[in-house]
């Protein structure tokens, strides 16, 4: 089992978003499903399920395309247009850094509490100013 196998499963997430400029707060819940692609050892598919106006909306996309062998995090290909870096800081902390443009960056710190509970804190910054802070909890419903 490699590091990313703990991501697989059905999760309920609760997000709290704070937009600093407007002093605005938002909170919502979503259900996500992360499935390891059986045809490629290094690709994980992400499905997000929303209920908007009593209609279910599903979003699908790949979240990782990495060489995960020996718990290393080496990018094999670029999935999105932006440059991103993923770093495993220790056995329970993963950092994701994404340059959205020259001045705008996204940083997320994902903490693995145990195989059924994770939490993260994310920041969107312009230059050195914080624009958005996001707190997320992930509770695994089942594998």
C-alpha atoms as a PDB file:
ATOM      1  CA  UNK A   1       0.000   0.000   0.000  1.00  0.00           C
ATOM      2  CA  UNK A   2       1.377   3.396  -0.890  1.00  0.00           C
ATOM      3  CA  UNK A   3       0.770   6.762   0.709  1.00  0.00           C
ATOM      4  CA  UNK A   4      -2.149   7.736  -1.553  1.00  0.00           C
ATOM      5  CA  UNK A   5      -4.185   4.575  -0.980  1.00  0.00           C
ATOM      6  CA  UNK A   6      -5.580   6.200   2.189  1.00  0.00           C
ATOM      7  CA  UNK A   7      -7.314   8.783  -0.039  1.00  0.00           C
ATOM      8  CA  UNK A   8      -9.554   6.170  -1.685  1.00  0.00           C
ATOM      9  CA  UNK A   9     -13.133   5.958  -0.486  1.00  0.00           C
ATOM     10  CA  UNK A  10     -16.344   7.905   0.052  1.00  0.00           C
ATOM     11  CA  UNK A  11     -15.977  11.061   2.120  1.00  0.00           C
ATOM     12  CA  UNK A  12     -18.182  13.757   3.597  1.00  0.00           C
ATOM     13  CA  UNK A  13     -16.451  17.116   3.717  1.00  0.00           C
ATOM     14  CA  UNK A  14     -17.404  20.284   5.521  1.00  0.00           C
ATOM     15  CA  UNK A  15     -15.812  23.499   4.313  1.00  0.00           C
ATOM     16  CA  UNK A  16     -15.697  26.895   5.941  1.00  0.00           C
ATOM     17  CA  UNK A  17     -14.539  29.681   3.642  1.00  0.00           C
ATOM     18  CA  UNK A  18     -13.579  33.157   4.807  1.00  0.00           C
ATOM     19  CA  UNK A  19     -13.071  35.971   2.270  1.00  0.00           C
ATOM     20  CA  UNK A  20     -10.951  38.564   4.047  1.00  0.00           C
ATOM     21  CA  UNK A  21     -11.677  41.635   1.903  1.00  0.00           C
ATOM     22  CA  UNK A  22     -15.436  41.403   2.429  1.00  0.00           C
ATOM     23  CA  UNK A  23     -15.367  39.791   5.867  1.00  0.00           C
ATOM     24  CA  UNK A  24     -17.660  37.149   4.346  1.00  0.00           C
ATOM     25  CA  UNK A  25     -18.097  33.607   5.651  1.00  0.00           C
ATOM     26  CA  UNK A  26     -19.498  30.601   3.808  1.00  0.00           C
ATOM     27  CA  UNK A  27     -19.955  27.019   4.921  1.00  0.00           C
ATOM     28  CA  UNK A  28     -21.114  24.000   2.986  1.00  0.00           C
ATOM     29  CA  UNK A  29     -20.987  20.229   2.932  1.00  0.00           C
ATOM     30  CA  UNK A  30     -20.204  17.987  -0.017  1.00  0.00           C
ATOM     31  CA  UNK A  31     -19.862  14.294  -0.662  1.00  0.00           C
ATOM     32  CA  UNK A  32     -16.823  13.158  -2.593  1.00  0.00           C
ATOM     33  CA  UNK A  33     -15.627   9.841  -3.880  1.00  0.00           C
ATOM     34  CA  UNK A  34     -11.963   9.175  -4.630  1.00  0.00           C
ATOM     35  CA  UNK A  35     -11.224   6.060  -6.639  1.00  0.00           C
ATOM     36  CA  UNK A  36      -7.866   4.638  -7.602  1.00  0.00           C
ATOM     37  CA  UNK A  37      -7.751   4.043 -11.352  1.00  0.00           C
ATOM     38  CA  UNK A  38      -7.070   0.305 -11.703  1.00  0.00           C
ATOM     39  CA  UNK A  39      -5.507   0.766 -15.133  1.00  0.00           C
ATOM     40  CA  UNK A  40      -2.811   3.171 -13.970  1.00  0.00           C
ATOM     41  CA  UNK A  41      -1.013   2.912 -10.634  1.00  0.00           C
ATOM     42  CA  UNK A  42      -0.505   6.635 -10.340  1.00  0.00           C
ATOM     43  CA  UNK A  43      -3.881   8.167 -11.188  1.00  0.00           C
ATOM     44  CA  UNK A  44      -6.633   8.866  -8.684  1.00  0.00           C
ATOM     45  CA  UNK A  45     -10.061  10.005  -9.877  1.00  0.00           C
ATOM     46  CA  UNK A  46     -12.117  12.469  -7.863  1.00  0.00           C
ATOM     47  CA  UNK A  47     -15.887  12.661  -7.986  1.00  0.00           C
ATOM     48  CA  UNK A  48     -17.729  15.453  -6.241  1.00  0.00           C
ATOM     49  CA  UNK A  49     -21.488  15.210  -5.742  1.00  0.00           C
ATOM     50  CA  UNK A  50     -23.538  18.328  -5.099  1.00  0.00           C
ATOM     51  CA  UNK A  51     -27.247  18.822  -4.619  1.00  0.00           C
ATOM     52  CA  UNK A  52     -28.183  22.143  -6.230  1.00  0.00           C
ATOM     53  CA  UNK A  53     -31.859  23.133  -6.436  1.00  0.00           C
ATOM     54  CA  UNK A  54     -32.853  19.519  -5.723  1.00  0.00           C
ATOM     55  CA  UNK A  55     -30.817  18.301  -8.714  1.00  0.00           C
ATOM     56  CA  UNK A  56     -27.746  16.148  -8.241  1.00  0.00           C
ATOM     57  CA  UNK A  57     -24.646  17.468  -9.987  1.00  0.00           C
ATOM     58  CA  UNK A  58     -21.572  15.272 -10.385  1.00  0.00           C
ATOM     59  CA  UNK A  59     -18.099  16.543 -11.223  1.00  0.00           C
ATOM     60  CA  UNK A  60     -15.282  14.223 -12.264  1.00  0.00           C
ATOM     61  CA  UNK A  61     -11.584  14.944 -12.693  1.00  0.00           C
ATOM     62  CA  UNK A  62      -8.160  13.488 -11.981  1.00  0.00           C
ATOM     63  CA  UNK A  63      -6.508  14.862  -8.881  1.00  0.00           C
ATOM     64  CA  UNK A  64      -3.111  13.235  -9.105  1.00  0.00           C
ATOM     65  CA  UNK A  65      -0.934  11.959 -11.874  1.00  0.00           C
ATOM     66  CA  UNK A  66       2.172  11.202  -9.875  1.00  0.00           C
ATOM     67  CA  UNK A  67       4.770   8.517  -9.538  1.00  0.00           C
ATOM     68  CA  UNK A  68       3.768   7.216  -6.113  1.00  0.00           C
ATOM     69  CA  UNK A  69       6.241   4.366  -5.913  1.00  0.00           C
ATOM     70  CA  UNK A  70       8.172   4.204  -2.658  1.00  0.00           C
ATOM     71  CA  UNK A  71       6.034   7.067  -1.337  1.00  0.00           C
ATOM     72  CA  UNK A  72       7.802   9.540  -3.612  1.00  0.00           C
ATOM     73  CA  UNK A  73       5.833  12.374  -5.163  1.00  0.00           C
ATOM     74  CA  UNK A  74       7.322  12.895  -8.594  1.00  0.00           C
ATOM     75  CA  UNK A  75       5.136  14.596 -11.186  1.00  0.00           C
ATOM     76  CA  UNK A  76       4.925  12.531 -14.352  1.00  0.00           C
ATOM     77  CA  UNK A  77       2.792  14.896 -16.407  1.00  0.00           C
ATOM     78  CA  UNK A  78       1.122  18.222 -15.934  1.00  0.00           C
ATOM     79  CA  UNK A  79      -2.666  17.737 -15.619  1.00  0.00           C
ATOM     80  CA  UNK A  80      -3.600  21.373 -15.279  1.00  0.00           C
ATOM     81  CA  UNK A  81      -2.204  24.431 -17.020  1.00  0.00           C
ATOM     82  CA  UNK A  82      -0.875  25.971 -13.823  1.00  0.00           C
ATOM     83  CA  UNK A  83       2.359  24.890 -12.185  1.00  0.00           C
ATOM     84  CA  UNK A  84       1.818  23.007  -8.947  1.00  0.00           C
ATOM     85  CA  UNK A  85       4.022  21.335  -6.379  1.00  0.00           C
ATOM     86  CA  UNK A  86       3.071  18.562  -3.993  1.00  0.00           C
ATOM     87  CA  UNK A  87       5.351  17.825  -1.079  1.00  0.00           C
ATOM     88  CA  UNK A  88       5.012  15.201   1.614  1.00  0.00           C
ATOM     89  CA  UNK A  89       6.462  17.005   4.634  1.00  0.00           C
ATOM     90  CA  UNK A  90       6.231  14.013   6.978  1.00  0.00           C
ATOM     91  CA  UNK A  91       4.087  10.907   7.427  1.00  0.00           C
ATOM     92  CA  UNK A  92       0.937  12.917   8.198  1.00  0.00           C
ATOM     93  CA  UNK A  93       1.283  16.225   6.306  1.00  0.00           C
ATOM     94  CA  UNK A  94       0.936  16.915   2.599  1.00  0.00           C
ATOM     95  CA  UNK A  95       1.467  20.392   1.139  1.00  0.00           C
ATOM     96  CA  UNK A  96      -0.019  21.435  -2.208  1.00  0.00           C
ATOM     97  CA  UNK A  97       1.204  24.675  -3.788  1.00  0.00           C
ATOM     98  CA  UNK A  98      -0.313  26.087  -6.970  1.00  0.00           C
ATOM     99  CA  UNK A  99       0.647  29.238  -8.847  1.00  0.00           C
ATOM    100  CA  UNK A 100      -2.610  30.589 -10.244  1.00  0.00           C
ATOM    101  CA  UNK A 101      -0.857  33.511 -11.965  1.00  0.00           C
ATOM    102  CA  UNK A 102       2.168  35.735 -11.342  1.00  0.00           C
ATOM    103  CA  UNK A 103       0.785  37.217  -8.121  1.00  0.00           C
ATOM    104  CA  UNK A 104      -1.858  34.710  -7.008  1.00  0.00           C
ATOM    105  CA  UNK A 105      -0.997  31.475  -5.160  1.00  0.00           C
ATOM    106  CA  UNK A 106      -2.928  28.654  -3.540  1.00  0.00           C
ATOM    107  CA  UNK A 107      -1.464  26.659  -0.638  1.00  0.00           C
ATOM    108  CA  UNK A 108      -3.160  23.736   1.050  1.00  0.00           C
ATOM    109  CA  UNK A 109      -1.895  21.776   4.044  1.00  0.00           C
ATOM    110  CA  UNK A 110      -3.616  18.394   4.404  1.00  0.00           C
ATOM    111  CA  UNK A 111      -3.220  16.709   7.800  1.00  0.00           C
ATOM    112  CA  UNK A 112      -3.856  12.971   8.041  1.00  0.00           C
ATOM    113  CA  UNK A 113      -5.253  12.388  11.519  1.00  0.00           C
ATOM    114  CA  UNK A 114      -6.095   8.741  10.817  1.00  0.00           C
ATOM    115  CA  UNK A 115      -7.411   6.662   7.908  1.00  0.00           C
ATOM    116  CA  UNK A 116     -10.978   7.911   8.484  1.00  0.00           C
ATOM    117  CA  UNK A 117     -10.425  11.576   9.360  1.00  0.00           C
ATOM    118  CA  UNK A 118      -8.353  14.278   7.681  1.00  0.00           C
ATOM    119  CA  UNK A 119      -8.381  18.030   7.894  1.00  0.00           C
ATOM    120  CA  UNK A 120      -6.890  20.791   5.796  1.00  0.00           C
ATOM    121  CA  UNK A 121      -6.301  24.502   5.809  1.00  0.00           C
ATOM    122  CA  UNK A 122      -5.946  26.402   2.547  1.00  0.00           C
ATOM    123  CA  UNK A 123      -4.930  29.932   1.671  1.00  0.00           C
ATOM    124  CA  UNK A 124      -5.266  31.999  -1.468  1.00  0.00           C
ATOM    125  CA  UNK A 125      -2.801  34.869  -1.451  1.00  0.00           C
ATOM    126  CA  UNK A 126      -2.151  37.771  -3.768  1.00  0.00           C
ATOM    127  CA  UNK A 127       1.450  38.847  -3.377  1.00  0.00           C
ATOM    128  CA  UNK A 128       1.787  38.576   0.417  1.00  0.00           C
ATOM    129  CA  UNK A 129      -1.844  39.422   1.255  1.00  0.00           C
ATOM    130  CA  UNK A 130      -4.310  36.726   2.291  1.00  0.00           C
ATOM    131  CA  UNK A 131      -7.507  36.832   0.233  1.00  0.00           C
ATOM    132  CA  UNK A 132      -9.241  33.602   1.257  1.00  0.00           C
ATOM    133  CA  UNK A 133      -8.837  31.072   4.074  1.00  0.00           C
ATOM    134  CA  UNK A 134     -10.518  27.660   3.840  1.00  0.00           C
ATOM    135  CA  UNK A 135     -10.883  25.075   6.609  1.00  0.00           C
ATOM    136  CA  UNK A 136     -11.988  21.589   5.545  1.00  0.00           C
ATOM    137  CA  UNK A 137     -12.697  18.401   7.445  1.00  0.00           C
ATOM    138  CA  UNK A 138     -12.847  15.033   5.680  1.00  0.00           C
ATOM    139  CA  UNK A 139     -14.698  12.126   7.278  1.00  0.00           C
ATOM    140  CA  UNK A 140     -14.554   8.779   5.500  1.00  0.00           C
ATOM    141  CA  UNK A 141     -17.995   7.205   5.294  1.00  0.00           C
ATOM    142  CA  UNK A 142     -16.752   3.930   3.770  1.00  0.00           C
ATOM    143  CA  UNK A 143     -13.984   2.614   1.547  1.00  0.00           C
END
